Amino acid sequence: MEKNLTKEYGKWIGSMDWDYILTIRRNYKTNSKTVRTVSEKIFNRIPEIDKLMFIGERDKMDWNNHHIHLLINTNDKSNTMEELLKLKSTNKSDLIFIEEVENNIQVGMYVTKYIDKQLPWDILIK
C-alpha cells in the first residue's frame, strides 16, 4: 500500500511545472523544524519563486539528520537560481546542488521516494 501512495504522490508532484531541483546540505544538524524554516526562508526571500515544494530526507548514516530537496518554479528566467540564492538567502557554508529540471515526473518521483516515512514536506505557493 505504501509503495502505491509514494508513487501517487510522485505522479502528483510531477504533474506540476518545476524549473529547478535543489539539494541543500547544511554544515550542521538539520532536524524537521529546520527543514521547514530553511525552505520558508528561501521562498519568502526570493520573490521570483512562484511555487516551492520541499521535503527533508533523512541521511542514511544519521537518521536524525536531514538534507533538503526543493523543487522550484520561478517567474524570472533572466537570472539563474544560483544568482538568486547567492543574492538573497543562503548560508555560504551550506552545500547546495542545483539542476534545471528536464523531466517533472522524474523529479516528482525522486523527491517523494520516502514521503511515506514521516518526513517534513509541504508545497508553498504565492
C-alpha atoms as a PDB file:
ATOM      1  CA  MET A   1       0.000   0.000   0.000  1.00  0.00           C
ATOM      2  CA  GLU A   2       2.775   2.483   0.927  1.00  0.00           C
ATOM      3  CA  LYS A   3       4.534   1.981  -2.433  1.00  0.00           C
ATOM      4  CA  ASN A   4       1.318   2.928  -4.231  1.00  0.00           C
ATOM      5  CA  LEU A   5       0.922   6.010  -2.049  1.00  0.00           C
ATOM      6  CA  THR A   6       4.519   7.053  -2.714  1.00  0.00           C
ATOM      7  CA  LYS A   7       4.019   6.533  -6.454  1.00  0.00           C
ATOM      8  CA  GLU A   8       0.798   8.579  -6.454  1.00  0.00           C
ATOM      9  CA  TYR A   9       2.484  11.438  -4.599  1.00  0.00           C
ATOM     10  CA  GLY A  10       5.337  11.301  -7.113  1.00  0.00           C
ATOM     11  CA  LYS A  11       2.947  11.496 -10.052  1.00  0.00           C
ATOM     12  CA  TRP A  12       1.015  14.342  -8.411  1.00  0.00           C
ATOM     13  CA  ILE A  13       4.138  16.390  -7.641  1.00  0.00           C
ATOM     14  CA  GLY A  14       5.483  15.525 -11.104  1.00  0.00           C
ATOM     15  CA  SER A  15       2.317  16.841 -12.754  1.00  0.00           C
ATOM     16  CA  MET A  16       3.315  20.358 -11.656  1.00  0.00           C
ATOM     17  CA  ASP A  17       5.696  22.613 -13.571  1.00  0.00           C
ATOM     18  CA  TRP A  18       9.168  22.840 -11.987  1.00  0.00           C
ATOM     19  CA  ASP A  19      12.232  24.746 -13.194  1.00  0.00           C
ATOM     20  CA  TYR A  20      14.889  23.709 -10.652  1.00  0.00           C
ATOM     21  CA  ILE A  21      15.671  20.929  -8.215  1.00  0.00           C
ATOM     22  CA  LEU A  22      17.942  21.848  -5.324  1.00  0.00           C
ATOM     23  CA  THR A  23      19.536  19.697  -2.664  1.00  0.00           C
ATOM     24  CA  ILE A  24      20.793  21.524   0.402  1.00  0.00           C
ATOM     25  CA  ARG A  25      23.134  20.009   2.956  1.00  0.00           C
ATOM     26  CA  ARG A  26      23.667  22.256   5.956  1.00  0.00           C
ATOM     27  CA  ASN A  27      27.004  22.352   7.757  1.00  0.00           C
ATOM     28  CA  TYR A  28      25.240  21.387  10.988  1.00  0.00           C
ATOM     29  CA  LYS A  29      22.470  19.033  12.132  1.00  0.00           C
ATOM     30  CA  THR A  30      19.221  19.667  10.322  1.00  0.00           C
ATOM     31  CA  ASN A  31      16.052  18.490  12.039  1.00  0.00           C
ATOM     32  CA  SER A  32      12.453  18.516  10.784  1.00  0.00           C
ATOM     33  CA  LYS A  33      11.788  22.038  12.055  1.00  0.00           C
ATOM     34  CA  THR A  34      14.938  23.368  10.359  1.00  0.00           C
ATOM     35  CA  VAL A  35      13.842  21.818   7.043  1.00  0.00           C
ATOM     36  CA  ARG A  36      10.693  23.971   7.109  1.00  0.00           C
ATOM     37  CA  THR A  37      12.497  27.074   8.388  1.00  0.00           C
ATOM     38  CA  VAL A  38      15.191  26.965   5.679  1.00  0.00           C
ATOM     39  CA  SER A  39      12.646  26.245   2.930  1.00  0.00           C
ATOM     40  CA  GLU A  40      10.295  29.047   4.006  1.00  0.00           C
ATOM     41  CA  LYS A  41      13.228  31.458   4.257  1.00  0.00           C
ATOM     42  CA  ILE A  42      14.215  30.765   0.654  1.00  0.00           C
ATOM     43  CA  PHE A  43      10.596  31.007  -0.515  1.00  0.00           C
ATOM     44  CA  ASN A  44       9.963  34.294   1.313  1.00  0.00           C
ATOM     45  CA  ARG A  45      13.263  35.992   0.438  1.00  0.00           C
ATOM     46  CA  ILE A  46      13.247  35.283  -3.292  1.00  0.00           C
ATOM     47  CA  PRO A  47      10.211  36.974  -4.843  1.00  0.00           C
ATOM     48  CA  GLU A  48      10.958  35.336  -8.185  1.00  0.00           C
ATOM     49  CA  ILE A  49       9.842  31.972  -6.776  1.00  0.00           C
ATOM     50  CA  ASP A  50       6.179  31.319  -7.553  1.00  0.00           C
ATOM     51  CA  LYS A  51       5.969  27.806  -6.142  1.00  0.00           C
ATOM     52  CA  LEU A  52       8.256  25.683  -3.975  1.00  0.00           C
ATOM     53  CA  MET A  53       7.941  22.076  -2.816  1.00  0.00           C
ATOM     54  CA  PHE A  54      10.272  20.972  -0.022  1.00  0.00           C
ATOM     55  CA  ILE A  55      10.961  17.668   1.650  1.00  0.00           C
ATOM     56  CA  GLY A  56      13.519  16.810   4.307  1.00  0.00           C
ATOM     57  CA  GLU A  57      15.104  13.471   3.541  1.00  0.00           C
ATOM     58  CA  ARG A  58      16.852  11.561   6.329  1.00  0.00           C
ATOM     59  CA  ASP A  59      20.554  10.865   5.887  1.00  0.00           C
ATOM     60  CA  LYS A  60      21.380   7.166   5.711  1.00  0.00           C
ATOM     61  CA  MET A  61      24.346   7.482   8.072  1.00  0.00           C
ATOM     62  CA  ASP A  62      22.499   9.643  10.623  1.00  0.00           C
ATOM     63  CA  TRP A  63      18.747   9.044  10.743  1.00  0.00           C
ATOM     64  CA  ASN A  64      18.248  12.167  12.913  1.00  0.00           C
ATOM     65  CA  ASN A  65      19.823  14.477  10.322  1.00  0.00           C
ATOM     66  CA  HIS A  66      18.094  15.661   7.156  1.00  0.00           C
ATOM     67  CA  HIS A  67      19.141  17.112   3.851  1.00  0.00           C
ATOM     68  CA  ILE A  68      16.583  19.168   1.950  1.00  0.00           C
ATOM     69  CA  HIS A  69      15.218  18.706  -1.552  1.00  0.00           C
ATOM     70  CA  LEU A  70      13.469  21.692  -3.119  1.00  0.00           C
ATOM     71  CA  LEU A  71      11.521  21.862  -6.347  1.00  0.00           C
ATOM     72  CA  ILE A  72      11.163  25.438  -7.557  1.00  0.00           C
ATOM     73  CA  ASN A  73       9.026  27.142 -10.159  1.00  0.00           C
ATOM     74  CA  THR A  74      10.200  30.670 -10.901  1.00  0.00           C
ATOM     75  CA  ASN A  75       8.771  33.607 -12.816  1.00  0.00           C
ATOM     76  CA  ASP A  76      12.217  35.035 -13.647  1.00  0.00           C
ATOM     77  CA  LYS A  77      14.147  33.267 -16.364  1.00  0.00           C
ATOM     78  CA  SER A  78      16.715  36.086 -16.696  1.00  0.00           C
ATOM     79  CA  ASN A  79      18.626  35.105 -13.547  1.00  0.00           C
ATOM     80  CA  THR A  80      19.857  31.644 -12.709  1.00  0.00           C
ATOM     81  CA  MET A  81      18.834  30.021  -9.440  1.00  0.00           C
ATOM     82  CA  GLU A  82      22.477  30.214  -8.337  1.00  0.00           C
ATOM     83  CA  GLU A  83      22.376  34.008  -8.742  1.00  0.00           C
ATOM     84  CA  LEU A  84      19.105  34.336  -6.854  1.00  0.00           C
ATOM     85  CA  LEU A  85      20.288  32.181  -3.953  1.00  0.00           C
ATOM     86  CA  LYS A  86      23.615  33.982  -3.619  1.00  0.00           C
ATOM     87  CA  LEU A  87      21.969  37.357  -3.669  1.00  0.00           C
ATOM     88  CA  LYS A  88      19.164  36.727  -1.264  1.00  0.00           C
ATOM     89  CA  SER A  89      19.013  33.765   1.023  1.00  0.00           C
ATOM     90  CA  THR A  90      21.624  31.145   1.703  1.00  0.00           C
ATOM     91  CA  ASN A  91      24.349  30.461   4.205  1.00  0.00           C
ATOM     92  CA  LYS A  92      27.730  30.422   2.467  1.00  0.00           C
ATOM     93  CA  SER A  93      28.788  27.248   4.304  1.00  0.00           C
ATOM     94  CA  ASP A  94      25.821  25.215   3.007  1.00  0.00           C
ATOM     95  CA  LEU A  95      26.408  22.772   0.174  1.00  0.00           C
ATOM     96  CA  ILE A  96      23.807  23.450  -2.495  1.00  0.00           C
ATOM     97  CA  PHE A  97      23.395  21.380  -5.630  1.00  0.00           C
ATOM     98  CA  ILE A  98      21.231  22.973  -8.323  1.00  0.00           C
ATOM     99  CA  GLU A  99      19.972  21.406 -11.522  1.00  0.00           C
ATOM    100  CA  GLU A 100      17.474  22.539 -14.090  1.00  0.00           C
ATOM    101  CA  VAL A 101      14.511  20.191 -14.271  1.00  0.00           C
ATOM    102  CA  GLU A 102      14.345  18.254 -17.518  1.00  0.00           C
ATOM    103  CA  ASN A 103      11.518  15.895 -16.563  1.00  0.00           C
ATOM    104  CA  ASN A 104       8.879  16.911 -13.995  1.00  0.00           C
ATOM    105  CA  ILE A 105       7.646  13.347 -13.439  1.00  0.00           C
ATOM    106  CA  GLN A 106      11.167  12.058 -12.716  1.00  0.00           C
ATOM    107  CA  VAL A 107      11.922  14.766 -10.153  1.00  0.00           C
ATOM    108  CA  GLY A 108       8.484  14.278  -8.603  1.00  0.00           C
ATOM    109  CA  MET A 109       9.166  10.566  -8.163  1.00  0.00           C
ATOM    110  CA  TYR A 110      12.687  11.226  -6.867  1.00  0.00           C
ATOM    111  CA  VAL A 111      11.792  13.715  -4.126  1.00  0.00           C
ATOM    112  CA  THR A 112       8.784  11.692  -2.924  1.00  0.00           C
ATOM    113  CA  LYS A 113      10.537   8.306  -2.758  1.00  0.00           C
ATOM    114  CA  TYR A 114      10.377   8.313   1.073  1.00  0.00           C
ATOM    115  CA  ILE A 115       7.365  10.593   1.574  1.00  0.00           C
ATOM    116  CA  ASP A 116       5.598   7.783   3.471  1.00  0.00           C
ATOM    117  CA  LYS A 117       8.366   7.772   6.144  1.00  0.00           C
ATOM    118  CA  GLN A 118       7.076  10.703   8.216  1.00  0.00           C
ATOM    119  CA  LEU A 119       9.229  13.314   6.534  1.00  0.00           C
ATOM    120  CA  PRO A 120       8.608  17.070   6.767  1.00  0.00           C
ATOM    121  CA  TRP A 121       7.276  18.355   3.450  1.00  0.00           C
ATOM    122  CA  ASP A 122       4.966  20.976   2.002  1.00  0.00           C
ATOM    123  CA  ILE A 123       4.152  22.980  -1.109  1.00  0.00           C
ATOM    124  CA  LEU A 124       4.313  26.781  -0.865  1.00  0.00           C
ATOM    125  CA  ILE A 125       2.539  28.908  -3.490  1.00  0.00           C
ATOM    126  CA  LYS A 126       2.473  32.702  -3.867  1.00  0.00           C
END
